[in-house]
PDB file of N, CA and C in Angstrom:
ATOM      1  N   UNK A   1     112.378 149.398 156.408  1.00  0.00           N
ATOM      2  CA  UNK A   1     112.857 148.763 157.622  1.00  0.00           C
ATOM      3  C   UNK A   1     114.347 149.077 157.776  1.00  0.00           C
ATOM      4  N   UNK A   2     114.759 149.424 158.960  1.00  0.00           N
ATOM      5  CA  UNK A   2     116.162 149.746 159.227  1.00  0.00           C
ATOM      6  C   UNK A   2     116.997 148.478 159.270  1.00  0.00           C
ATOM      7  N   UNK A   3     118.246 148.598 158.818  1.00  0.00           N
ATOM      8  CA  UNK A   3     119.144 147.454 158.877  1.00  0.00           C
ATOM      9  C   UNK A   3     120.011 147.535 160.122  1.00  0.00           C
ATOM     10  N   UNK A   4     120.560 146.379 160.496  1.00  0.00           N
ATOM     11  CA  UNK A   4     121.480 146.290 161.631  1.00  0.00           C
ATOM     12  C   UNK A   4     122.677 145.467 161.163  1.00  0.00           C
ATOM     13  N   UNK A   5     123.755 145.523 161.921  1.00  0.00           N
ATOM     14  CA  UNK A   5     124.920 144.693 161.645  1.00  0.00           C
ATOM     15  C   UNK A   5     124.853 143.481 162.570  1.00  0.00           C
ATOM     16  N   UNK A   6     124.853 142.306 161.982  1.00  0.00           N
ATOM     17  CA  UNK A   6     124.790 141.051 162.735  1.00  0.00           C
ATOM     18  C   UNK A   6     126.132 140.342 162.661  1.00  0.00           C
ATOM     19  N   UNK A   7     126.580 139.791 163.775  1.00  0.00           N
ATOM     20  CA  UNK A   7     127.768 138.949 163.821  1.00  0.00           C
ATOM     21  C   UNK A   7     127.298 137.509 163.650  1.00  0.00           C
ATOM     22  N   UNK A   8     127.737 136.873 162.571  1.00  0.00           N
ATOM     23  CA  UNK A   8     127.316 135.505 162.259  1.00  0.00           C
ATOM     24  C   UNK A   8     128.532 134.597 162.357  1.00  0.00           C
ATOM     25  N   UNK A   9     128.420 133.540 163.172  1.00  0.00           N
ATOM     26  CA  UNK A   9     129.533 132.615 163.344  1.00  0.00           C
ATOM     27  C   UNK A   9     129.055 131.191 163.108  1.00  0.00           C
ATOM     28  N   UNK A  10     129.857 130.440 162.338  1.00  0.00           N
ATOM     29  CA  UNK A  10     129.601 129.028 162.083  1.00  0.00           C
ATOM     30  C   UNK A  10     130.944 128.321 162.141  1.00  0.00           C
ATOM     31  N   UNK A  11     131.236 127.697 163.259  1.00  0.00           N
ATOM     32  CA  UNK A  11     132.538 127.060 163.427  1.00  0.00           C
ATOM     33  C   UNK A  11     133.639 128.107 163.395  1.00  0.00           C
ATOM     34  N   UNK A  12     134.573 127.958 162.456  1.00  0.00           N
ATOM     35  CA  UNK A  12     135.688 128.899 162.317  1.00  0.00           C
ATOM     36  C   UNK A  12     135.338 130.118 161.469  1.00  0.00           C
ATOM     37  N   UNK A  13     134.153 130.139 160.904  1.00  0.00           N
ATOM     38  CA  UNK A  13     133.745 131.244 160.029  1.00  0.00           C
ATOM     39  C   UNK A  13     133.082 132.332 160.866  1.00  0.00           C
ATOM     40  N   UNK A  14     133.524 133.561 160.680  1.00  0.00           N
ATOM     41  CA  UNK A  14     132.928 134.713 161.355  1.00  0.00           C
ATOM     42  C   UNK A  14     132.728 135.809 160.328  1.00  0.00           C
ATOM     43  N   UNK A  15     131.498 136.312 160.226  1.00  0.00           N
ATOM     44  CA  UNK A  15     131.186 137.373 159.273  1.00  0.00           C
ATOM     45  C   UNK A  15     130.321 138.429 159.935  1.00  0.00           C
ATOM     46  N   UNK A  16     130.494 139.648 159.507  1.00  0.00           N
ATOM     47  CA  UNK A  16     129.604 140.743 159.885  1.00  0.00           C
ATOM     48  C   UNK A  16     128.696 140.994 158.696  1.00  0.00           C
ATOM     49  N   UNK A  17     127.391 140.963 158.927  1.00  0.00           N
ATOM     50  CA  UNK A  17     126.427 141.072 157.837  1.00  0.00           C
ATOM     51  C   UNK A  17     125.420 142.162 158.160  1.00  0.00           C
ATOM     52  N   UNK A  18     125.239 143.095 157.226  1.00  0.00           N
ATOM     53  CA  UNK A  18     124.195 144.106 157.360  1.00  0.00           C
ATOM     54  C   UNK A  18     122.913 143.530 156.764  1.00  0.00           C
ATOM     55  N   UNK A  19     121.866 143.486 157.582  1.00  0.00           N
ATOM     56  CA  UNK A  19     120.613 142.877 157.132  1.00  0.00           C
ATOM     57  C   UNK A  19     119.435 143.480 157.890  1.00  0.00           C
ATOM     58  N   UNK A  20     118.255 143.247 157.340  1.00  0.00           N
ATOM     59  CA  UNK A  20     117.023 143.725 157.978  1.00  0.00           C
ATOM     60  C   UNK A  20     116.653 142.882 159.196  1.00  0.00           C
ATOM     61  N   UNK A  21     116.939 141.579 159.134  1.00  0.00           N
ATOM     62  CA  UNK A  21     116.569 140.677 160.222  1.00  0.00           C
ATOM     63  C   UNK A  21     117.704 139.688 160.499  1.00  0.00           C
ATOM     64  N   UNK A  22     117.645 139.063 161.662  1.00  0.00           N
ATOM     65  CA  UNK A  22     118.600 138.025 162.043  1.00  0.00           C
ATOM     66  C   UNK A  22     118.547 136.862 161.047  1.00  0.00           C
ATOM     67  N   UNK A  23     117.337 136.471 160.660  1.00  0.00           N
ATOM     68  CA  UNK A  23     117.184 135.368 159.711  1.00  0.00           C
ATOM     69  C   UNK A  23     117.783 135.702 158.349  1.00  0.00           C
ATOM     70  N   UNK A  24     117.664 136.943 157.913  1.00  0.00           N
ATOM     71  CA  UNK A  24     118.259 137.354 156.641  1.00  0.00           C
ATOM     72  C   UNK A  24     119.781 137.259 156.696  1.00  0.00           C
ATOM     73  N   UNK A  25     120.364 137.651 157.814  1.00  0.00           N
ATOM     74  CA  UNK A  25     121.811 137.559 157.980  1.00  0.00           C
ATOM     75  C   UNK A  25     122.257 136.098 157.964  1.00  0.00           C
ATOM     76  N   UNK A  26     121.540 135.258 158.674  1.00  0.00           N
ATOM     77  CA  UNK A  26     121.848 133.834 158.712  1.00  0.00           C
ATOM     78  C   UNK A  26     121.740 133.220 157.317  1.00  0.00           C
ATOM     79  N   UNK A  27     120.671 133.509 156.618  1.00  0.00           N
ATOM     80  CA  UNK A  27     120.451 132.983 155.272  1.00  0.00           C
ATOM     81  C   UNK A  27     121.573 133.425 154.323  1.00  0.00           C
ATOM     82  N   UNK A  28     121.997 134.676 154.449  1.00  0.00           N
ATOM     83  CA  UNK A  28     123.057 135.207 153.590  1.00  0.00           C
ATOM     84  C   UNK A  28     124.340 134.386 153.737  1.00  0.00           C
ATOM     85  N   UNK A  29     124.716 134.059 154.961  1.00  0.00           N
ATOM     86  CA  UNK A  29     125.934 133.285 155.203  1.00  0.00           C
ATOM     87  C   UNK A  29     125.716 131.821 154.836  1.00  0.00           C
ATOM     88  N   UNK A  30     124.577 131.276 155.188  1.00  0.00           N
ATOM     89  CA  UNK A  30     124.300 129.855 154.958  1.00  0.00           C
ATOM     90  C   UNK A  30     124.279 129.493 153.480  1.00  0.00           C
ATOM     91  N   UNK A  31     123.876 130.424 152.625  1.00  0.00           N
ATOM     92  CA  UNK A  31     123.813 130.132 151.189  1.00  0.00           C
ATOM     93  C   UNK A  31     125.155 129.698 150.626  1.00  0.00           C
ATOM     94  N   UNK A  32     126.249 130.184 151.199  1.00  0.00           N
ATOM     95  CA  UNK A  32     127.586 129.809 150.733  1.00  0.00           C
ATOM     96  C   UNK A  32     128.090 128.514 151.370  1.00  0.00           C
ATOM     97  N   UNK A  33     127.475 128.074 152.453  1.00  0.00           N
ATOM     98  CA  UNK A  33     127.969 126.928 153.200  1.00  0.00           C
ATOM     99  C   UNK A  33     127.128 125.668 153.053  1.00  0.00           C
ATOM    100  N   UNK A  34     125.846 125.844 152.799  1.00  0.00           N
ATOM    101  CA  UNK A  34     124.901 124.728 152.864  1.00  0.00           C
ATOM    102  C   UNK A  34     124.094 124.654 151.575  1.00  0.00           C
ATOM    103  N   UNK A  35     123.870 123.431 151.098  1.00  0.00           N
ATOM    104  CA  UNK A  35     122.962 123.265 149.963  1.00  0.00           C
ATOM    105  C   UNK A  35     121.742 122.483 150.441  1.00  0.00           C
ATOM    106  N   UNK A  36     120.600 122.827 149.911  1.00  0.00           N
ATOM    107  CA  UNK A  36     119.341 122.178 150.284  1.00  0.00           C
ATOM    108  C   UNK A  36     118.578 121.862 149.010  1.00  0.00           C
ATOM    109  N   UNK A  37     118.101 120.619 148.916  1.00  0.00           N
ATOM    110  CA  UNK A  37     117.278 120.210 147.778  1.00  0.00           C
ATOM    111  C   UNK A  37     116.345 119.096 148.239  1.00  0.00           C
ATOM    112  N   UNK A  38     115.311 118.859 147.495  1.00  0.00           N
ATOM    113  CA  UNK A  38     114.401 117.762 147.819  1.00  0.00           C
ATOM    114  C   UNK A  38     115.162 116.450 147.627  1.00  0.00           C
ATOM    115  N   UNK A  39     115.077 115.566 148.622  1.00  0.00           N
ATOM    116  CA  UNK A  39     115.791 114.288 148.557  1.00  0.00           C
ATOM    117  C   UNK A  39     115.147 113.366 147.534  1.00  0.00           C
ATOM    118  N   UNK A  40     115.977 112.750 146.709  1.00  0.00           N
ATOM    119  CA  UNK A  40     115.473 111.766 145.749  1.00  0.00           C
ATOM    120  C   UNK A  40     115.198 110.458 146.483  1.00  0.00           C
ATOM    121  N   UNK A  41     114.464 109.569 145.846  1.00  0.00           N
ATOM    122  CA  UNK A  41     114.172 108.262 146.443  1.00  0.00           C
ATOM    123  C   UNK A  41     115.468 107.511 146.714  1.00  0.00           C
ATOM    124  N   UNK A  42     116.401 107.584 145.803  1.00  0.00           N
ATOM    125  CA  UNK A  42     117.684 106.893 145.945  1.00  0.00           C
ATOM    126  C   UNK A  42     118.473 107.445 147.145  1.00  0.00           C
ATOM    127  N   UNK A  43     118.456 108.773 147.304  1.00  0.00           N
ATOM    128  CA  UNK A  43     119.142 109.406 148.429  1.00  0.00           C
ATOM    129  C   UNK A  43     118.509 108.988 149.749  1.00  0.00           C
ATOM    130  N   UNK A  44     117.172 108.971 149.802  1.00  0.00           N
ATOM    131  CA  UNK A  44     116.464 108.556 151.017  1.00  0.00           C
ATOM    132  C   UNK A  44     116.817 107.136 151.418  1.00  0.00           C
ATOM    133  N   UNK A  45     116.767 106.219 150.459  1.00  0.00           N
ATOM    134  CA  UNK A  45     117.050 104.814 150.762  1.00  0.00           C
ATOM    135  C   UNK A  45     118.482 104.653 151.257  1.00  0.00           C
ATOM    136  N   UNK A  46     119.445 105.253 150.568  1.00  0.00           N
ATOM    137  CA  UNK A  46     120.855 105.129 150.956  1.00  0.00           C
ATOM    138  C   UNK A  46     121.094 105.716 152.341  1.00  0.00           C
ATOM    139  N   UNK A  47     120.526 106.874 152.607  1.00  0.00           N
ATOM    140  CA  UNK A  47     120.741 107.524 153.902  1.00  0.00           C
ATOM    141  C   UNK A  47     120.118 106.711 155.039  1.00  0.00           C
ATOM    142  N   UNK A  48     118.916 106.199 154.828  1.00  0.00           N
ATOM    143  CA  UNK A  48     118.254 105.428 155.873  1.00  0.00           C
ATOM    144  C   UNK A  48     118.978 104.103 156.120  1.00  0.00           C
ATOM    145  N   UNK A  49     119.541 103.508 155.060  1.00  0.00           N
ATOM    146  CA  UNK A  49     120.339 102.293 155.245  1.00  0.00           C
ATOM    147  C   UNK A  49     121.595 102.585 156.062  1.00  0.00           C
ATOM    148  N   UNK A  50     122.089 103.813 155.984  1.00  0.00           N
ATOM    149  CA  UNK A  50     123.262 104.226 156.760  1.00  0.00           C
ATOM    150  C   UNK A  50     122.882 104.677 158.167  1.00  0.00           C
ATOM    151  N   UNK A  51     121.594 104.606 158.509  1.00  0.00           N
ATOM    152  CA  UNK A  51     121.151 104.951 159.858  1.00  0.00           C
ATOM    153  C   UNK A  51     120.790 106.413 160.069  1.00  0.00           C
ATOM    154  N   UNK A  52     120.699 107.188 158.999  1.00  0.00           N
ATOM    155  CA  UNK A  52     120.333 108.598 159.120  1.00  0.00           C
ATOM    156  C   UNK A  52     118.841 108.689 159.447  1.00  0.00           C
ATOM    157  N   UNK A  53     118.514 109.443 160.482  1.00  0.00           N
ATOM    158  CA  UNK A  53     117.126 109.627 160.897  1.00  0.00           C
ATOM    159  C   UNK A  53     116.556 110.898 160.255  1.00  0.00           C
ATOM    160  N   UNK A  54     115.277 110.884 159.947  1.00  0.00           N
ATOM    161  CA  UNK A  54     114.600 112.074 159.425  1.00  0.00           C
ATOM    162  C   UNK A  54     114.283 112.988 160.604  1.00  0.00           C
ATOM    163  N   UNK A  55     114.637 114.256 160.480  1.00  0.00           N
ATOM    164  CA  UNK A  55     114.377 115.247 161.516  1.00  0.00           C
ATOM    165  C   UNK A  55     113.234 116.152 161.071  1.00  0.00           C
ATOM    166  N   UNK A  56     112.425 116.608 162.021  1.00  0.00           N
ATOM    167  CA  UNK A  56     111.356 117.563 161.735  1.00  0.00           C
ATOM    168  C   UNK A  56     111.869 118.971 161.992  1.00  0.00           C
ATOM    169  N   UNK A  57     111.660 119.842 161.038  1.00  0.00           N
ATOM    170  CA  UNK A  57     112.087 121.234 161.193  1.00  0.00           C
ATOM    171  C   UNK A  57     111.386 121.845 162.404  1.00  0.00           C
ATOM    172  N   UNK A  58     112.146 122.573 163.201  1.00  0.00           N
ATOM    173  CA  UNK A  58     111.601 123.219 164.386  1.00  0.00           C
ATOM    174  C   UNK A  58     111.675 122.378 165.636  1.00  0.00           C
ATOM    175  N   UNK A  59     112.060 121.098 165.503  1.00  0.00           N
ATOM    176  CA  UNK A  59     112.209 120.214 166.656  1.00  0.00           C
ATOM    177  C   UNK A  59     113.677 119.890 166.843  1.00  0.00           C
ATOM    178  N   UNK A  60     114.099 119.794 168.100  1.00  0.00           N
ATOM    179  CA  UNK A  60     115.474 119.413 168.408  1.00  0.00           C
ATOM    180  C   UNK A  60     115.627 117.905 168.204  1.00  0.00           C
ATOM    181  N   UNK A  61     116.727 117.483 167.557  1.00  0.00           N
ATOM    182  CA  UNK A  61     116.937 116.033 167.403  1.00  0.00           C
ATOM    183  C   UNK A  61     117.133 115.378 168.769  1.00  0.00           C
ATOM    184  N   UNK A  62     116.642 114.147 168.900  1.00  0.00           N
ATOM    185  CA  UNK A  62     116.803 113.414 170.144  1.00  0.00           C
ATOM    186  C   UNK A  62     118.254 112.984 170.291  1.00  0.00           C
ATOM    187  N   UNK A  63     118.738 112.970 171.544  1.00  0.00           N
ATOM    188  CA  UNK A  63     120.110 112.532 171.804  1.00  0.00           C
ATOM    189  C   UNK A  63     120.075 111.297 172.681  1.00  0.00           C
ATOM    190  N   UNK A  64     121.180 110.587 172.721  1.00  0.00           N
ATOM    191  CA  UNK A  64     121.291 109.372 173.532  1.00  0.00           C
ATOM    192  C   UNK A  64     121.720 109.675 174.970  1.00  0.00           C
ATOM    193  N   UNK A  65     121.817 110.958 175.341  1.00  0.00           N
ATOM    194  CA  UNK A  65     122.304 111.336 176.662  1.00  0.00           C
ATOM    195  C   UNK A  65     121.370 110.908 177.791  1.00  0.00           C
ATOM    196  N   UNK A  66     120.097 110.707 177.515  1.00  0.00           N
ATOM    197  CA  UNK A  66     119.133 110.346 178.541  1.00  0.00           C
ATOM    198  C   UNK A  66     119.300 108.910 179.028  1.00  0.00           C
ATOM    199  N   UNK A  67     120.013 108.101 178.272  1.00  0.00           N
ATOM    200  CA  UNK A  67     120.179 106.687 178.634  1.00  0.00           C
ATOM    201  C   UNK A  67     121.118 106.478 179.771  1.00  0.00           C
TER     202      UNK A  67
END
């Protein structure tokens, strides 16, 4: 598969990444910025007590703008 150069921007961060796909370029940059792990029971309880809502991957979070 041929590679392309992708411009990836996240806030003030801008990188040029050579990758096979857009998702590969995004993943390459995100690995340095974001950590992902399965939430522990303690983390879930604390976050929900703070009002954090669970989001479903692939769905846009609801906003209060409709009110």
